Amino acid sequence: MSILFVLLTFLLILTVMYFRRPQEDTNTLQVAPPKKISAPLMLKQAGFEIPQDYCFHPGHTWVVDEGRQNARVGIDAFASQLFGKIDSIELAELNRWVRQGQPLCTITREGRSVDLLSPVEGVLVSVNHDVVKNPNLVIDDPYRNGWLCVIKAPEMTTNVKNLLQGPIVLPWMQNSLARLSAMVQQLTPALAQDGGLPVKGLLFQVDTGVQAQLAKELFLT
């Protein structure tokens, strides 16, 4: 009788373990699919397409809050149009602390380079390897697949107070274009234009001296 009791107890334990195991495996599988990057809602005004809920640094980088202090960062369409084509993008090192308004990446084309600034402060926790392999994703899709990196930004709420967002973005973009046109007009009138994005690749069509002035004026570098 005692042997039968032991066998029944053993079978009961095996049954409980069998039915509990799939649940534990399921919980394990739930940890971690990477977050899918959804297309932002775009608002088209006066020749510009502006993604909603994005914040912009005056140096023409953007950030979107993904929650849990994660800030996805990229280059805006105004800057990408100025570049026209990119040979390489060099980003700050992983796990490095970057400050708001300090250099985040270097854009290079045909041996000429321009630095761009970080819109937020924090630790660089991941980079977009697709952009590293194919830098021109920044040109073709600056607000979605052409993002640069994710920064863990503990002071994001404070950081965004220093950025441009909402109805301020369009007048700022228009002002950037006006400043650009005024600077380029004295060099080559054909390269200046009114309204919309700047001439594609304009930054690398001017000589290095003018390029440096444009980068200082528009990218604050």
C-alpha atoms as a PDB file:
ATOM      1  CA  MET A   1       0.000   0.000   0.000  1.00  0.00           C
ATOM      2  CA  SER A   2       2.812   2.397   0.860  1.00  0.00           C
ATOM      3  CA  ILE A   3       4.543   1.596  -2.467  1.00  0.00           C
ATOM      4  CA  LEU A   4       1.330   2.438  -4.341  1.00  0.00           C
ATOM      5  CA  PHE A   5       1.068   5.716  -2.427  1.00  0.00           C
ATOM      6  CA  VAL A   6       4.648   6.648  -3.378  1.00  0.00           C
ATOM      7  CA  LEU A   7       3.992   5.859  -7.040  1.00  0.00           C
ATOM      8  CA  LEU A   8       0.830   7.944  -7.083  1.00  0.00           C
ATOM      9  CA  THR A   9       2.665  10.834  -5.446  1.00  0.00           C
ATOM     10  CA  PHE A  10       5.457  10.603  -8.004  1.00  0.00           C
ATOM     11  CA  LEU A  11       2.970  10.606 -10.899  1.00  0.00           C
ATOM     12  CA  LEU A  12       1.206  13.615  -9.396  1.00  0.00           C
ATOM     13  CA  ILE A  13       4.508  15.557  -9.245  1.00  0.00           C
ATOM     14  CA  LEU A  14       5.318  14.666 -12.855  1.00  0.00           C
ATOM     15  CA  THR A  15       1.840  15.803 -13.970  1.00  0.00           C
ATOM     16  CA  VAL A  16       2.176  19.163 -12.213  1.00  0.00           C
ATOM     17  CA  MET A  17       5.642  19.741 -13.723  1.00  0.00           C
ATOM     18  CA  TYR A  18       4.380  18.848 -17.202  1.00  0.00           C
ATOM     19  CA  PHE A  19       1.552  21.376 -17.134  1.00  0.00           C
ATOM     20  CA  ARG A  20       3.667  24.122 -15.571  1.00  0.00           C
ATOM     21  CA  ARG A  21       6.576  23.875 -17.990  1.00  0.00           C
ATOM     22  CA  PRO A  22       4.884  25.253 -21.145  1.00  0.00           C
ATOM     23  CA  GLN A  23       3.790  28.342 -19.195  1.00  0.00           C
ATOM     24  CA  GLU A  24       7.350  29.019 -18.043  1.00  0.00           C
ATOM     25  CA  ASP A  25       8.645  28.637 -21.623  1.00  0.00           C
ATOM     26  CA  THR A  26       5.989  31.020 -22.907  1.00  0.00           C
ATOM     27  CA  ASN A  27       7.000  33.640 -20.352  1.00  0.00           C
ATOM     28  CA  THR A  28      10.610  33.302 -21.458  1.00  0.00           C
ATOM     29  CA  LEU A  29       9.688  33.782 -25.127  1.00  0.00           C
ATOM     30  CA  GLN A  30       7.827  37.016 -24.353  1.00  0.00           C
ATOM     31  CA  VAL A  31      11.052  38.753 -23.349  1.00  0.00           C
ATOM     32  CA  ALA A  32      12.367  40.816 -26.077  1.00  0.00           C
ATOM     33  CA  PRO A  33      11.226  41.306 -29.547  1.00  0.00           C
ATOM     34  CA  PRO A  34      12.823  44.579 -30.731  1.00  0.00           C
ATOM     35  CA  LYS A  35      10.368  47.436 -30.993  1.00  0.00           C
ATOM     36  CA  LYS A  36       9.058  47.940 -34.515  1.00  0.00           C
ATOM     37  CA  ILE A  37       9.627  51.433 -35.860  1.00  0.00           C
ATOM     38  CA  SER A  38       6.272  52.766 -36.996  1.00  0.00           C
ATOM     39  CA  ALA A  39       5.891  55.444 -39.637  1.00  0.00           C
ATOM     40  CA  PRO A  40       5.287  58.871 -38.057  1.00  0.00           C
ATOM     41  CA  LEU A  41       2.241  60.929 -38.902  1.00  0.00           C
ATOM     42  CA  MET A  42       3.478  63.543 -41.384  1.00  0.00           C
ATOM     43  CA  LEU A  43       2.083  67.046 -41.741  1.00  0.00           C
ATOM     44  CA  LYS A  44       2.853  68.747 -45.070  1.00  0.00           C
ATOM     45  CA  GLN A  45       3.015  72.538 -44.978  1.00  0.00           C
ATOM     46  CA  ALA A  46       4.648  75.095 -47.269  1.00  0.00           C
ATOM     47  CA  GLY A  47       6.817  72.499 -49.013  1.00  0.00           C
ATOM     48  CA  PHE A  48       7.951  70.807 -45.793  1.00  0.00           C
ATOM     49  CA  GLU A  49       6.898  67.444 -44.390  1.00  0.00           C
ATOM     50  CA  ILE A  50       7.067  67.546 -40.606  1.00  0.00           C
ATOM     51  CA  PRO A  51       6.630  64.436 -38.423  1.00  0.00           C
ATOM     52  CA  GLN A  52       4.237  64.931 -35.539  1.00  0.00           C
ATOM     53  CA  ASP A  53       5.427  64.371 -31.949  1.00  0.00           C
ATOM     54  CA  TYR A  54       9.090  64.770 -32.949  1.00  0.00           C
ATOM     55  CA  CYS A  55      11.262  67.399 -31.266  1.00  0.00           C
ATOM     56  CA  PHE A  56      13.999  69.208 -33.199  1.00  0.00           C
ATOM     57  CA  HIS A  57      17.359  70.553 -32.113  1.00  0.00           C
ATOM     58  CA  PRO A  58      18.291  73.937 -33.685  1.00  0.00           C
ATOM     59  CA  GLY A  59      21.208  72.076 -35.306  1.00  0.00           C
ATOM     60  CA  HIS A  60      18.765  69.975 -37.386  1.00  0.00           C
ATOM     61  CA  THR A  61      18.722  66.693 -35.500  1.00  0.00           C
ATOM     62  CA  TRP A  62      15.505  65.223 -34.104  1.00  0.00           C
ATOM     63  CA  VAL A  63      14.414  63.067 -31.177  1.00  0.00           C
ATOM     64  CA  VAL A  64      11.281  61.075 -30.417  1.00  0.00           C
ATOM     65  CA  ASP A  65      10.448  59.762 -26.956  1.00  0.00           C
ATOM     66  CA  GLU A  66       9.938  55.979 -26.999  1.00  0.00           C
ATOM     67  CA  GLY A  67       9.284  55.655 -23.262  1.00  0.00           C
ATOM     68  CA  ARG A  68      11.431  54.255 -20.444  1.00  0.00           C
ATOM     69  CA  GLN A  69      13.923  57.092 -21.008  1.00  0.00           C
ATOM     70  CA  ASN A  70      14.699  55.820 -24.534  1.00  0.00           C
ATOM     71  CA  ALA A  71      15.212  58.593 -27.087  1.00  0.00           C
ATOM     72  CA  ARG A  72      15.445  57.683 -30.767  1.00  0.00           C
ATOM     73  CA  VAL A  73      17.573  60.225 -32.625  1.00  0.00           C
ATOM     74  CA  GLY A  74      18.029  61.151 -36.280  1.00  0.00           C
ATOM     75  CA  ILE A  75      18.755  63.891 -38.821  1.00  0.00           C
ATOM     76  CA  ASP A  76      15.914  66.009 -40.187  1.00  0.00           C
ATOM     77  CA  ALA A  77      14.923  66.237 -43.855  1.00  0.00           C
ATOM     78  CA  PHE A  78      16.335  69.756 -44.184  1.00  0.00           C
ATOM     79  CA  ALA A  79      19.830  68.542 -43.272  1.00  0.00           C
ATOM     80  CA  SER A  80      19.583  65.339 -45.310  1.00  0.00           C
ATOM     81  CA  GLN A  81      18.556  67.352 -48.372  1.00  0.00           C
ATOM     82  CA  LEU A  82      21.569  69.620 -47.895  1.00  0.00           C
ATOM     83  CA  PHE A  83      23.845  66.569 -47.829  1.00  0.00           C
ATOM     84  CA  GLY A  84      22.252  64.975 -50.891  1.00  0.00           C
ATOM     85  CA  LYS A  85      24.484  61.924 -50.623  1.00  0.00           C
ATOM     86  CA  ILE A  86      26.540  60.463 -47.779  1.00  0.00           C
ATOM     87  CA  ASP A  87      29.633  58.277 -48.023  1.00  0.00           C
ATOM     88  CA  SER A  88      29.850  57.441 -44.313  1.00  0.00           C
ATOM     89  CA  ILE A  89      28.428  58.222 -40.879  1.00  0.00           C
ATOM     90  CA  GLU A  90      30.601  57.956 -37.787  1.00  0.00           C
ATOM     91  CA  LEU A  91      28.673  57.890 -34.521  1.00  0.00           C
ATOM     92  CA  ALA A  92      29.831  58.344 -30.957  1.00  0.00           C
ATOM     93  CA  GLU A  93      30.911  55.118 -29.246  1.00  0.00           C
ATOM     94  CA  LEU A  94      28.378  52.824 -27.583  1.00  0.00           C
ATOM     95  CA  ASN A  95      27.940  53.328 -23.824  1.00  0.00           C
ATOM     96  CA  ARG A  96      29.425  56.799 -24.100  1.00  0.00           C
ATOM     97  CA  TRP A  97      27.719  59.708 -22.356  1.00  0.00           C
ATOM     98  CA  VAL A  98      26.790  62.429 -24.842  1.00  0.00           C
ATOM     99  CA  ARG A  99      25.643  65.897 -23.842  1.00  0.00           C
ATOM    100  CA  GLN A 100      22.817  67.888 -25.362  1.00  0.00           C
ATOM    101  CA  GLY A 101      24.267  70.218 -27.980  1.00  0.00           C
ATOM    102  CA  GLN A 102      27.584  68.351 -28.215  1.00  0.00           C
ATOM    103  CA  PRO A 103      28.824  66.417 -31.305  1.00  0.00           C
ATOM    104  CA  LEU A 104      26.996  63.126 -31.855  1.00  0.00           C
ATOM    105  CA  CYS A 105      28.040  62.097 -35.354  1.00  0.00           C
ATOM    106  CA  THR A 106      30.207  63.036 -38.317  1.00  0.00           C
ATOM    107  CA  ILE A 107      28.838  63.011 -41.873  1.00  0.00           C
ATOM    108  CA  THR A 108      31.414  62.509 -44.641  1.00  0.00           C
ATOM    109  CA  ARG A 109      31.105  62.905 -48.384  1.00  0.00           C
ATOM    110  CA  GLU A 110      33.998  62.919 -50.858  1.00  0.00           C
ATOM    111  CA  GLY A 111      36.521  63.594 -48.112  1.00  0.00           C
ATOM    112  CA  ARG A 112      34.610  66.550 -46.633  1.00  0.00           C
ATOM    113  CA  SER A 113      33.037  66.214 -43.188  1.00  0.00           C
ATOM    114  CA  VAL A 114      30.360  67.928 -41.106  1.00  0.00           C
ATOM    115  CA  ASP A 115      29.518  67.316 -37.438  1.00  0.00           C
ATOM    116  CA  LEU A 116      25.963  67.194 -36.078  1.00  0.00           C
ATOM    117  CA  LEU A 117      24.858  67.697 -32.473  1.00  0.00           C
ATOM    118  CA  SER A 118      22.924  65.519 -30.052  1.00  0.00           C
ATOM    119  CA  PRO A 119      19.394  66.762 -29.280  1.00  0.00           C
ATOM    120  CA  VAL A 120      19.401  65.133 -25.821  1.00  0.00           C
ATOM    121  CA  GLU A 121      21.790  64.119 -23.062  1.00  0.00           C
ATOM    122  CA  GLY A 122      22.426  60.541 -21.998  1.00  0.00           C
ATOM    123  CA  VAL A 123      24.157  57.248 -22.772  1.00  0.00           C
ATOM    124  CA  LEU A 124      24.283  56.014 -26.363  1.00  0.00           C
ATOM    125  CA  VAL A 125      22.867  52.491 -26.015  1.00  0.00           C
ATOM    126  CA  SER A 126      22.336  51.380 -29.620  1.00  0.00           C
ATOM    127  CA  VAL A 127      23.049  52.420 -33.195  1.00  0.00           C
ATOM    128  CA  ASN A 128      21.220  51.785 -36.454  1.00  0.00           C
ATOM    129  CA  HIS A 129      23.519  49.281 -38.160  1.00  0.00           C
ATOM    130  CA  ASP A 130      21.516  49.597 -41.401  1.00  0.00           C
ATOM    131  CA  VAL A 131      22.514  53.266 -41.594  1.00  0.00           C
ATOM    132  CA  VAL A 132      26.154  52.458 -40.852  1.00  0.00           C
ATOM    133  CA  LYS A 133      26.104  49.989 -43.784  1.00  0.00           C
ATOM    134  CA  ASN A 134      23.990  52.214 -46.047  1.00  0.00           C
ATOM    135  CA  PRO A 135      24.338  55.872 -44.944  1.00  0.00           C
ATOM    136  CA  ASN A 136      21.975  57.105 -47.644  1.00  0.00           C
ATOM    137  CA  LEU A 137      19.013  55.727 -45.691  1.00  0.00           C
ATOM    138  CA  VAL A 138      19.341  59.060 -43.880  1.00  0.00           C
ATOM    139  CA  ILE A 139      18.626  60.799 -47.192  1.00  0.00           C
ATOM    140  CA  ASP A 140      15.866  58.486 -48.412  1.00  0.00           C
ATOM    141  CA  ASP A 141      13.963  58.002 -45.144  1.00  0.00           C
ATOM    142  CA  PRO A 142      15.218  60.431 -42.470  1.00  0.00           C
ATOM    143  CA  TYR A 143      12.285  60.067 -40.070  1.00  0.00           C
ATOM    144  CA  ARG A 144      11.891  56.296 -39.995  1.00  0.00           C
ATOM    145  CA  ASN A 145      14.430  53.748 -41.272  1.00  0.00           C
ATOM    146  CA  GLY A 146      17.163  56.390 -41.446  1.00  0.00           C
ATOM    147  CA  TRP A 147      17.318  56.975 -37.672  1.00  0.00           C
ATOM    148  CA  LEU A 148      20.820  57.144 -36.168  1.00  0.00           C
ATOM    149  CA  CYS A 149      20.806  55.805 -32.614  1.00  0.00           C
ATOM    150  CA  VAL A 150      18.983  55.396 -29.314  1.00  0.00           C
ATOM    151  CA  ILE A 151      20.109  57.368 -26.274  1.00  0.00           C
ATOM    152  CA  LYS A 152      19.100  56.493 -22.719  1.00  0.00           C
ATOM    153  CA  ALA A 153      18.175  59.993 -21.600  1.00  0.00           C
ATOM    154  CA  PRO A 154      17.250  60.255 -17.888  1.00  0.00           C
ATOM    155  CA  GLU A 155      16.655  64.019 -18.188  1.00  0.00           C
ATOM    156  CA  MET A 156      14.610  63.871 -21.397  1.00  0.00           C
ATOM    157  CA  THR A 157      11.725  65.873 -19.944  1.00  0.00           C
ATOM    158  CA  THR A 158      14.127  68.709 -19.206  1.00  0.00           C
ATOM    159  CA  ASN A 159      16.013  68.304 -22.494  1.00  0.00           C
ATOM    160  CA  VAL A 160      12.944  68.676 -24.709  1.00  0.00           C
ATOM    161  CA  LYS A 161      12.211  72.080 -23.168  1.00  0.00           C
ATOM    162  CA  ASN A 162      15.279  73.303 -25.095  1.00  0.00           C
ATOM    163  CA  LEU A 163      14.015  71.855 -28.399  1.00  0.00           C
ATOM    164  CA  LEU A 164      11.589  72.969 -31.101  1.00  0.00           C
ATOM    165  CA  GLN A 165       8.247  71.194 -31.332  1.00  0.00           C
ATOM    166  CA  GLY A 166       4.647  71.611 -32.403  1.00  0.00           C
ATOM    167  CA  PRO A 167       3.650  74.778 -34.316  1.00  0.00           C
ATOM    168  CA  ILE A 168       7.119  76.313 -33.859  1.00  0.00           C
ATOM    169  CA  VAL A 169       8.767  73.790 -36.201  1.00  0.00           C
ATOM    170  CA  LEU A 170       7.455  75.090 -39.535  1.00  0.00           C
ATOM    171  CA  PRO A 171       8.466  78.770 -38.985  1.00  0.00           C
ATOM    172  CA  TRP A 172      11.878  77.567 -37.814  1.00  0.00           C
ATOM    173  CA  MET A 173      12.344  75.422 -40.949  1.00  0.00           C
ATOM    174  CA  GLN A 174      11.314  78.373 -43.123  1.00  0.00           C
ATOM    175  CA  ASN A 175      13.737  80.642 -41.285  1.00  0.00           C
ATOM    176  CA  SER A 176      16.537  78.097 -41.797  1.00  0.00           C
ATOM    177  CA  LEU A 177      15.847  78.096 -45.527  1.00  0.00           C
ATOM    178  CA  ALA A 178      15.791  81.914 -45.644  1.00  0.00           C
ATOM    179  CA  ARG A 179      19.155  82.112 -43.881  1.00  0.00           C
ATOM    180  CA  LEU A 180      20.576  79.472 -46.189  1.00  0.00           C
ATOM    181  CA  SER A 181      19.346  81.272 -49.315  1.00  0.00           C
ATOM    182  CA  ALA A 182      20.733  84.606 -48.148  1.00  0.00           C
ATOM    183  CA  MET A 183      24.188  83.094 -47.601  1.00  0.00           C
ATOM    184  CA  VAL A 184      24.254  81.182 -50.885  1.00  0.00           C
ATOM    185  CA  GLN A 185      22.779  83.995 -53.002  1.00  0.00           C
ATOM    186  CA  GLN A 186      26.010  85.977 -52.894  1.00  0.00           C
ATOM    187  CA  LEU A 187      27.961  82.983 -54.198  1.00  0.00           C
ATOM    188  CA  THR A 188      25.719  81.387 -56.842  1.00  0.00           C
ATOM    189  CA  PRO A 189      22.191  82.745 -57.301  1.00  0.00           C
ATOM    190  CA  ALA A 190      21.160  79.564 -59.146  1.00  0.00           C
ATOM    191  CA  LEU A 191      21.698  77.532 -55.993  1.00  0.00           C
ATOM    192  CA  ALA A 192      19.332  79.632 -53.883  1.00  0.00           C
ATOM    193  CA  GLN A 193      15.579  79.103 -53.905  1.00  0.00           C
ATOM    194  CA  ASP A 194      12.407  80.258 -52.214  1.00  0.00           C
ATOM    195  CA  GLY A 195      10.208  77.800 -50.302  1.00  0.00           C
ATOM    196  CA  GLY A 196      10.500  74.075 -49.755  1.00  0.00           C
ATOM    197  CA  LEU A 197      13.639  72.097 -49.040  1.00  0.00           C
ATOM    198  CA  PRO A 198      17.066  73.347 -50.182  1.00  0.00           C
ATOM    199  CA  VAL A 199      18.730  72.183 -53.396  1.00  0.00           C
ATOM    200  CA  LYS A 200      19.773  68.548 -52.953  1.00  0.00           C
ATOM    201  CA  GLY A 201      23.470  68.204 -52.153  1.00  0.00           C
ATOM    202  CA  LEU A 202      23.963  71.963 -51.891  1.00  0.00           C
ATOM    203  CA  LEU A 203      26.344  71.738 -48.930  1.00  0.00           C
ATOM    204  CA  PHE A 204      28.932  69.918 -51.019  1.00  0.00           C
ATOM    205  CA  GLN A 205      28.493  72.041 -54.153  1.00  0.00           C
ATOM    206  CA  VAL A 206      30.021  75.118 -52.519  1.00  0.00           C
ATOM    207  CA  ASP A 207      33.674  75.595 -51.642  1.00  0.00           C
ATOM    208  CA  THR A 208      35.014  74.496 -48.263  1.00  0.00           C
ATOM    209  CA  GLY A 209      35.017  78.024 -46.831  1.00  0.00           C
ATOM    210  CA  VAL A 210      31.312  78.558 -47.575  1.00  0.00           C
ATOM    211  CA  GLN A 211      30.561  75.026 -46.380  1.00  0.00           C
ATOM    212  CA  ALA A 212      32.156  75.811 -43.027  1.00  0.00           C
ATOM    213  CA  GLN A 213      30.066  78.997 -42.735  1.00  0.00           C
ATOM    214  CA  LEU A 214      26.864  77.123 -43.584  1.00  0.00           C
ATOM    215  CA  ALA A 215      27.634  74.381 -41.062  1.00  0.00           C
ATOM    216  CA  LYS A 216      28.262  76.983 -38.362  1.00  0.00           C
ATOM    217  CA  GLU A 217      25.057  78.860 -39.194  1.00  0.00           C
ATOM    218  CA  LEU A 218      22.719  75.898 -39.659  1.00  0.00           C
ATOM    219  CA  PHE A 219      24.232  73.011 -37.695  1.00  0.00           C
ATOM    220  CA  LEU A 220      25.886  75.126 -34.968  1.00  0.00           C
ATOM    221  CA  THR A 221      29.193  73.292 -35.429  1.00  0.00           C
END
